[in-house]
Each structure stands twice: as structure tokens, then as C-alpha cells.
Amino acid sequence: MLTQTQTGHIALDGANDTGGRKRLTMLVTSAGRRVALLQAFRRGAEQLGVELELLACDLEPDLSAACHIADDAFAVPPATHDGYVDAVLAICRSRHVQLVVPTIDPDLVPLANAHNRFTTLGAQIAVSAPAVIDIARDKLKTAEFFATQGIPTPRTEALAAVRENPESWAWPVLLKPRHGSSGRAVSIIESPADLPPGEDEPMIVQTLLHGEEWTVSIYIDDAGRFHARDERKAGAGITTGPMMNVREVEADCRVTHQHLVRAGPADVDRLEAQFLWTAVLIDPDRVR
């Protein structure tokens, strides 16, 4: 949902002819099925007294539920295509877009790398800096980052390193892709003998922890101000609620953002395990 914090640094258009409301043109990329997200943006704009023109783009807009409820929709190439950024820039140029909201991981790097091209057009991108994305999309780098900042995190090593020194680990362990998401290819490995002999993609091993998982959604605006909201993950869903030791967790999130340039929006997943808050990952694209 739009908040005053998030719109405060965006150059909104002047008053229109129907009541003096400010006007904002927003583009949501990879809109897909994110109907609830677009509805939340509309509610936020109404609460702020902003007239919102809500645009959406996707590979096949006709098959996107969110594109059908947007004010206008556009077809763009996949984010991995060389023409993707130019296609999004063309929409921003022709429709005077002021805010671009990416929603999936593949969008992040190309849009972040083109940050200056968008700002030249007067469009802000709700995305972290490339250096932040590089850490957040790599679970091994994320663990190393937490460790260097003194933030508790599960022991994490590349699969090849664990094969060479399995006796130093307490079993069972957690095996997952180094660059995976959405729980893809995650498994519990009971003993060294159960480790896969090879890997189709880079894999990591982590200490297996049990506990209640929380997500802290953080946002750092252009003035460097830190904002946070805690949520408890419940099965496949997320519920908001009071977090135990919230000051401790928020302090760790502040450390996280202080060492990440232009952090923008992100999530920090935490696990309350064995009476210790443990940082698990940073998600740079979590937009609800």
C-alpha cells in the first residue's frame, strides 16, 4: 500500500481539474496475478488523496489477471531479454510514469542497473541497489554478510566444502540452491552418505533449525530513514502480530540497512530457534 513515506520523495504532478488532488502514474512490472497488490495501491492512493493512474506490464497481458484490472496494460519481453529495459523505459516515456514497482526476482538486476536511465525520465524505481541485490539473491553471500555484521545466522557453506569436512557438522542438515527461491529444491539431509554426488546448480548446506519464522519488512527512503514492520509466517500465509524481542530484531535490521547502499525495500527473514533470533535471508523484491 502507498504510504506518505513512500511517496514523499516522488515528484507528483500538480493539482488536476477535479478537486486539486495530486496525480501519480505507477507502473507495476510482471503483474501476473497480483490483483491484491494493485487493489492495495489504489486504497493507499485514495487515503493519501492521490489520483493514481495504475499501469501494468507482463509477457502476455491478456493472460494476467492484474493487467485486466489496471488502467492500461502493456506487453514486454522477458526480463532476461536484451530489450526488456528499453521496453519498460518506452512505457515510462510515453505515459510519464513516476514510479516503477518490480515484483519478481528476474526484474531486479536489469532495472537496478538502469536506475539512472529511469531517473532521467523522472521515474523512480522501487528497487534496491545492484550490490544489495547481489547479496540478497545469493544465500552464501547473505550468510557471510550477516556474519561480518555480527548478526546471528545459521552456519552456511557450499556443498563441496561440506563434502570435504562432513564430520564438523551436526546432522541432519538443510540442503538448498544457493540462488533459489520459494522453497524450490530444499531438502533435509540425514547423514553425509545422503549428500548428492553432484549438483546441477550451486548448492549450499545450512544448520537445520526448528522454530517460528518471522519476516521483517524494511524500507529505507531516499533520506536514509529506516522503517520496519514485523510479520509472522504461518504455513503458506503471513500474519502480522507482535514480535518477541522486537527491539533486538529491529536493531539487526538497522545494521543490515546501514551496510547496504540504497537498500530500498527488502525483507529480512528471522527464525526464533533455541531462544535465539537467527537471520535467515534478505529478500530484495518482497512487495505486497
Protein backbone atom coordinates (compact mmCIF):
# COMPACT_ATOMS: atom_id res chain seq x y z
CA MET A 1 0.00 0.00 0.00
CA LEU A 2 1.19 3.53 -0.71
CA THR A 3 2.20 5.49 2.36
CA GLN A 4 3.33 9.05 2.88
CA THR A 5 6.86 7.74 3.50
CA GLN A 6 6.95 6.01 0.14
CA THR A 7 5.53 8.88 -1.90
CA GLY A 8 7.28 11.72 -0.14
CA HIS A 9 10.31 11.72 -2.48
CA ILE A 10 8.35 11.17 -5.72
CA ALA A 11 7.62 14.24 -7.82
CA LEU A 12 3.83 14.12 -8.04
CA ASP A 13 2.02 16.03 -10.76
CA GLY A 14 0.27 19.24 -9.80
CA ALA A 15 -3.39 19.64 -8.92
CA ASN A 16 -5.84 18.48 -11.54
CA ASP A 17 -9.15 19.98 -12.57
CA THR A 18 -11.29 17.78 -10.33
CA GLY A 19 -10.66 18.82 -6.79
CA GLY A 20 -6.98 19.70 -6.50
CA ARG A 21 -5.72 16.11 -5.96
CA LYS A 22 -2.14 15.24 -6.77
CA ARG A 23 -1.61 12.71 -9.53
CA LEU A 24 0.75 9.73 -9.70
CA THR A 25 1.36 7.38 -12.60
CA MET A 26 2.68 4.00 -11.45
CA LEU A 27 3.87 1.01 -13.48
CA VAL A 28 3.83 -2.49 -11.95
CA THR A 29 6.06 -4.93 -13.82
CA SER A 30 5.45 -8.69 -14.12
CA ALA A 31 1.97 -8.01 -12.82
CA GLY A 32 0.78 -11.59 -13.23
CA ARG A 33 -1.90 -12.48 -10.67
CA ARG A 34 -1.10 -9.64 -8.27
CA VAL A 35 -4.65 -8.30 -8.19
CA ALA A 36 -4.50 -7.75 -4.41
CA LEU A 37 -1.33 -5.68 -4.80
CA LEU A 38 -2.90 -3.35 -7.33
CA GLN A 39 -6.00 -3.02 -5.17
CA ALA A 40 -3.79 -2.13 -2.19
CA PHE A 41 -2.06 0.59 -4.20
CA ARG A 42 -5.43 2.04 -5.13
CA ARG A 43 -6.57 2.06 -1.49
CA GLY A 44 -3.34 3.72 -0.41
CA ALA A 45 -3.64 6.39 -3.08
CA GLU A 46 -7.20 7.14 -2.02
CA GLN A 47 -6.16 7.51 1.60
CA LEU A 48 -3.39 9.92 0.58
CA GLY A 49 -5.66 11.92 -1.68
CA VAL A 50 -3.65 10.98 -4.75
CA GLU A 51 -5.25 10.34 -8.15
CA LEU A 52 -3.50 7.16 -9.24
CA GLU A 53 -3.10 6.02 -12.83
CA LEU A 54 -2.14 2.37 -12.43
CA LEU A 55 -0.34 0.73 -15.33
CA ALA A 56 0.85 -2.86 -15.57
CA CYS A 57 3.03 -4.90 -17.89
CA ASP A 58 3.65 -8.58 -18.42
CA LEU A 59 4.84 -11.02 -21.05
CA GLU A 60 1.24 -11.78 -22.05
CA PRO A 61 -1.11 -9.14 -20.58
CA ASP A 62 -4.21 -10.95 -21.83
CA LEU A 63 -3.38 -13.85 -19.51
CA SER A 64 -2.63 -11.62 -16.50
CA ALA A 65 -5.47 -11.02 -14.04
CA ALA A 66 -3.71 -7.95 -12.65
CA CYS A 67 -3.30 -6.46 -16.12
CA HIS A 68 -7.06 -6.75 -16.63
CA ILE A 69 -7.80 -4.53 -13.60
CA ALA A 70 -5.05 -1.99 -14.37
CA ASP A 71 -5.94 1.29 -16.10
CA ASP A 72 -3.80 0.18 -19.02
CA ALA A 73 -1.55 -2.80 -19.73
CA PHE A 74 1.44 -3.45 -21.96
CA ALA A 75 3.28 -6.46 -23.35
CA VAL A 76 7.03 -6.55 -22.66
CA PRO A 77 9.76 -9.14 -23.33
CA PRO A 78 11.01 -11.39 -20.50
CA ALA A 79 13.31 -9.67 -18.01
CA THR A 80 16.18 -11.83 -19.33
CA HIS A 81 15.74 -10.40 -22.85
CA ASP A 82 18.09 -7.66 -24.06
CA GLY A 83 15.11 -5.49 -25.00
CA TYR A 84 13.35 -5.68 -21.62
CA VAL A 85 14.69 -2.47 -20.09
CA ASP A 86 14.14 -0.49 -23.28
CA ALA A 87 10.52 -1.71 -23.41
CA VAL A 88 9.87 -0.59 -19.83
CA LEU A 89 11.62 2.72 -20.48
CA ALA A 90 9.40 3.27 -23.53
CA ILE A 91 6.28 2.87 -21.38
CA CYS A 92 7.67 5.30 -18.81
CA ARG A 93 8.50 7.83 -21.51
CA SER A 94 5.17 7.68 -23.32
CA ARG A 95 2.98 7.60 -20.20
CA HIS A 96 5.09 9.87 -17.95
CA VAL A 97 5.49 7.17 -15.29
CA GLN A 98 6.77 8.43 -11.94
CA LEU A 99 7.09 5.17 -10.02
CA VAL A 100 8.08 1.69 -11.27
CA VAL A 101 7.36 -1.27 -8.96
CA PRO A 102 9.09 -4.56 -9.90
CA THR A 103 7.58 -7.68 -8.34
CA ILE A 104 9.80 -10.67 -9.19
CA ASP A 105 13.50 -11.50 -8.83
CA PRO A 106 14.41 -11.51 -12.56
CA ASP A 107 13.21 -7.90 -12.88
CA LEU A 108 15.52 -6.58 -10.19
CA VAL A 109 19.02 -6.62 -11.70
CA PRO A 110 18.22 -5.16 -15.15
CA LEU A 111 16.04 -2.42 -13.66
CA ALA A 112 18.51 -1.59 -10.89
CA ASN A 113 21.36 -1.38 -13.39
CA ALA A 114 19.30 1.07 -15.44
CA HIS A 115 18.42 3.23 -12.42
CA ASN A 116 19.93 6.41 -13.84
CA ARG A 117 18.15 5.97 -17.19
CA PHE A 118 14.82 5.89 -15.38
CA THR A 119 15.54 8.85 -13.10
CA THR A 120 16.48 10.90 -16.18
CA LEU A 121 12.87 10.40 -17.30
CA GLY A 122 11.57 11.37 -13.86
CA ALA A 123 10.71 7.79 -12.87
CA GLN A 124 11.76 6.29 -9.54
CA ILE A 125 12.26 2.52 -9.27
CA ALA A 126 11.28 0.76 -6.03
CA VAL A 127 14.32 -1.47 -6.12
CA SER A 128 17.48 -1.95 -4.10
CA ALA A 129 20.94 -1.11 -5.43
CA PRO A 130 22.72 -3.76 -7.56
CA ALA A 131 25.19 -4.51 -4.76
CA VAL A 132 22.31 -5.22 -2.37
CA ILE A 133 20.58 -7.49 -4.86
CA ASP A 134 23.83 -9.38 -5.44
CA ILE A 135 23.99 -10.23 -1.73
CA ALA A 136 20.29 -10.90 -1.27
CA ARG A 137 19.97 -13.30 -4.22
CA ASP A 138 22.98 -15.36 -3.08
CA LYS A 139 22.37 -17.31 0.13
CA LEU A 140 26.07 -17.91 0.75
CA LYS A 141 26.89 -14.20 0.40
CA THR A 142 23.90 -13.39 2.62
CA ALA A 143 25.21 -15.65 5.39
CA GLU A 144 28.69 -14.16 5.06
CA PHE A 145 27.22 -10.64 5.23
CA PHE A 146 25.27 -11.41 8.41
CA ALA A 147 28.35 -12.98 10.00
CA THR A 148 30.58 -9.98 9.26
CA GLN A 149 27.96 -7.67 10.81
CA GLY A 150 27.73 -9.77 13.98
CA ILE A 151 24.14 -10.88 13.24
CA PRO A 152 23.43 -14.50 14.28
CA THR A 153 22.80 -16.71 11.26
CA PRO A 154 22.82 -20.46 10.59
CA ARG A 155 26.17 -21.95 9.63
CA THR A 156 26.26 -21.95 5.82
CA GLU A 157 28.78 -23.49 3.44
CA ALA A 158 28.96 -24.60 -0.18
CA LEU A 159 28.05 -28.24 -0.72
CA ALA A 160 31.56 -29.08 -1.96
CA ALA A 161 33.09 -27.75 1.28
CA VAL A 162 30.73 -29.86 3.38
CA ARG A 163 31.64 -32.98 1.41
CA GLU A 164 35.30 -32.39 2.28
CA ASN A 165 34.66 -31.96 6.02
CA PRO A 166 31.36 -33.64 6.97
CA GLU A 167 32.49 -34.57 10.48
CA SER A 168 32.46 -30.90 11.51
CA TRP A 169 28.68 -30.75 11.01
CA ALA A 170 25.81 -31.80 13.24
CA TRP A 171 23.41 -33.95 11.23
CA PRO A 172 20.77 -33.71 9.79
CA VAL A 173 21.36 -30.54 7.76
CA LEU A 174 19.42 -28.43 5.27
CA LEU A 175 20.34 -28.52 1.57
CA LYS A 176 19.11 -25.78 -0.79
CA PRO A 177 20.08 -23.97 -4.01
CA ARG A 178 22.50 -21.11 -3.49
CA HIS A 179 20.35 -18.88 -5.71
CA GLY A 180 16.93 -20.48 -5.19
CA SER A 181 13.65 -19.03 -4.01
CA SER A 182 10.15 -20.08 -2.97
CA GLY A 183 11.40 -23.23 -1.26
CA ARG A 184 12.49 -24.81 -4.55
CA ALA A 185 14.69 -27.93 -4.24
CA VAL A 186 15.07 -27.61 -0.46
CA SER A 187 15.61 -30.91 1.36
CA ILE A 188 16.75 -32.31 4.70
CA ILE A 189 19.88 -34.48 4.50
CA GLU A 190 20.07 -37.03 7.31
CA SER A 191 23.77 -38.02 7.03
CA PRO A 192 26.91 -37.42 4.93
CA ALA A 193 26.12 -40.58 2.95
CA ASP A 194 22.90 -38.93 1.74
CA LEU A 195 24.63 -35.91 0.21
CA PRO A 196 24.11 -35.79 -3.57
CA PRO A 197 27.24 -36.82 -5.50
CA GLY A 198 26.89 -33.90 -7.90
CA GLU A 199 24.92 -30.71 -8.38
CA ASP A 200 23.08 -29.29 -11.38
CA GLU A 201 23.33 -25.83 -9.84
CA PRO A 202 25.37 -24.36 -6.95
CA MET A 203 24.05 -25.75 -3.66
CA ILE A 204 24.61 -24.78 -0.04
CA VAL A 205 24.27 -26.60 3.27
CA GLN A 206 22.92 -24.94 6.41
CA THR A 207 22.45 -25.92 10.02
CA LEU A 208 18.95 -27.32 10.42
CA LEU A 209 16.98 -25.18 12.87
CA HIS A 210 13.41 -25.55 14.11
CA GLY A 211 11.35 -22.60 15.27
CA GLU A 212 8.86 -19.90 14.40
CA GLU A 213 9.71 -17.88 11.32
CA TRP A 214 9.15 -14.14 11.08
CA THR A 215 9.61 -11.65 8.30
CA VAL A 216 10.65 -8.06 9.00
CA SER A 217 9.71 -5.85 6.06
CA ILE A 218 12.10 -2.92 5.94
CA TYR A 219 12.11 0.19 3.80
CA ILE A 220 14.81 2.83 3.57
CA ASP A 221 13.67 6.01 1.87
CA ASP A 222 15.85 8.39 -0.12
CA ALA A 223 16.60 10.40 3.01
CA GLY A 224 18.03 7.28 4.67
CA ARG A 225 15.16 6.91 7.15
CA PHE A 226 14.52 3.36 8.36
CA HIS A 227 11.03 1.88 8.59
CA ALA A 228 10.10 -1.67 9.65
CA ARG A 229 7.06 -3.89 10.06
CA ASP A 230 7.17 -7.40 11.53
CA GLU A 231 5.09 -10.31 10.29
CA ARG A 232 4.83 -13.92 11.37
CA LYS A 233 4.82 -16.58 8.67
CA ALA A 234 2.04 -19.09 9.21
CA GLY A 235 2.22 -22.02 6.80
CA ALA A 236 1.87 -20.67 3.30
CA GLY A 237 0.48 -17.37 4.55
CA ILE A 238 1.69 -14.42 6.59
CA THR A 239 0.05 -12.90 9.64
CA THR A 240 1.01 -9.67 11.32
CA GLY A 241 1.43 -9.62 15.06
CA PRO A 242 3.66 -8.59 17.96
CA MET A 243 7.17 -9.97 17.77
CA MET A 244 9.08 -11.17 20.81
CA ASN A 245 12.36 -9.27 21.33
CA VAL A 246 11.32 -6.90 18.55
CA ARG A 247 13.92 -4.32 19.58
CA GLU A 248 16.71 -6.86 19.18
CA VAL A 249 15.44 -7.90 15.76
CA GLU A 250 14.90 -4.33 14.59
CA ALA A 251 18.42 -3.45 15.72
CA ASP A 252 19.79 -6.20 13.50
CA CYS A 253 17.70 -4.91 10.59
CA ARG A 254 19.09 -1.43 11.15
CA VAL A 255 22.61 -2.87 10.98
CA THR A 256 21.60 -4.62 7.77
CA HIS A 257 20.38 -1.45 6.09
CA GLN A 258 23.32 0.67 7.30
CA HIS A 259 25.73 -1.54 5.39
CA LEU A 260 23.67 -1.87 2.21
CA VAL A 261 23.82 1.06 -0.21
CA ARG A 262 20.43 2.42 -1.33
CA ALA A 263 18.69 -0.50 0.29
CA GLY A 264 15.16 0.48 -0.76
CA PRO A 265 12.53 -2.16 0.05
CA ALA A 266 13.55 -5.57 1.40
CA ASP A 267 12.56 -8.33 3.77
CA VAL A 268 14.76 -9.90 6.43
CA ASP A 269 13.59 -13.36 7.42
CA ARG A 270 14.28 -14.34 11.03
CA LEU A 271 13.85 -17.65 12.83
CA GLU A 272 13.19 -17.83 16.57
CA ALA A 273 15.06 -21.03 17.34
CA GLN A 274 16.61 -22.30 20.58
CA PHE A 275 15.91 -18.96 22.30
CA LEU A 276 17.94 -17.11 19.68
CA TRP A 277 16.82 -14.88 16.84
CA THR A 278 18.64 -16.06 13.73
CA ALA A 279 18.76 -14.16 10.45
CA VAL A 280 17.99 -16.46 7.53
CA LEU A 281 17.84 -14.37 4.36
CA ILE A 282 17.28 -10.98 2.77
CA ASP A 283 14.57 -10.75 0.13
CA PRO A 284 15.05 -7.62 -2.02
CA ASP A 285 11.84 -7.81 -4.00
CA ARG A 286 9.11 -8.52 -1.46
CA VAL A 287 6.25 -6.26 -2.43
CA ARG A 288 2.73 -6.88 -1.15
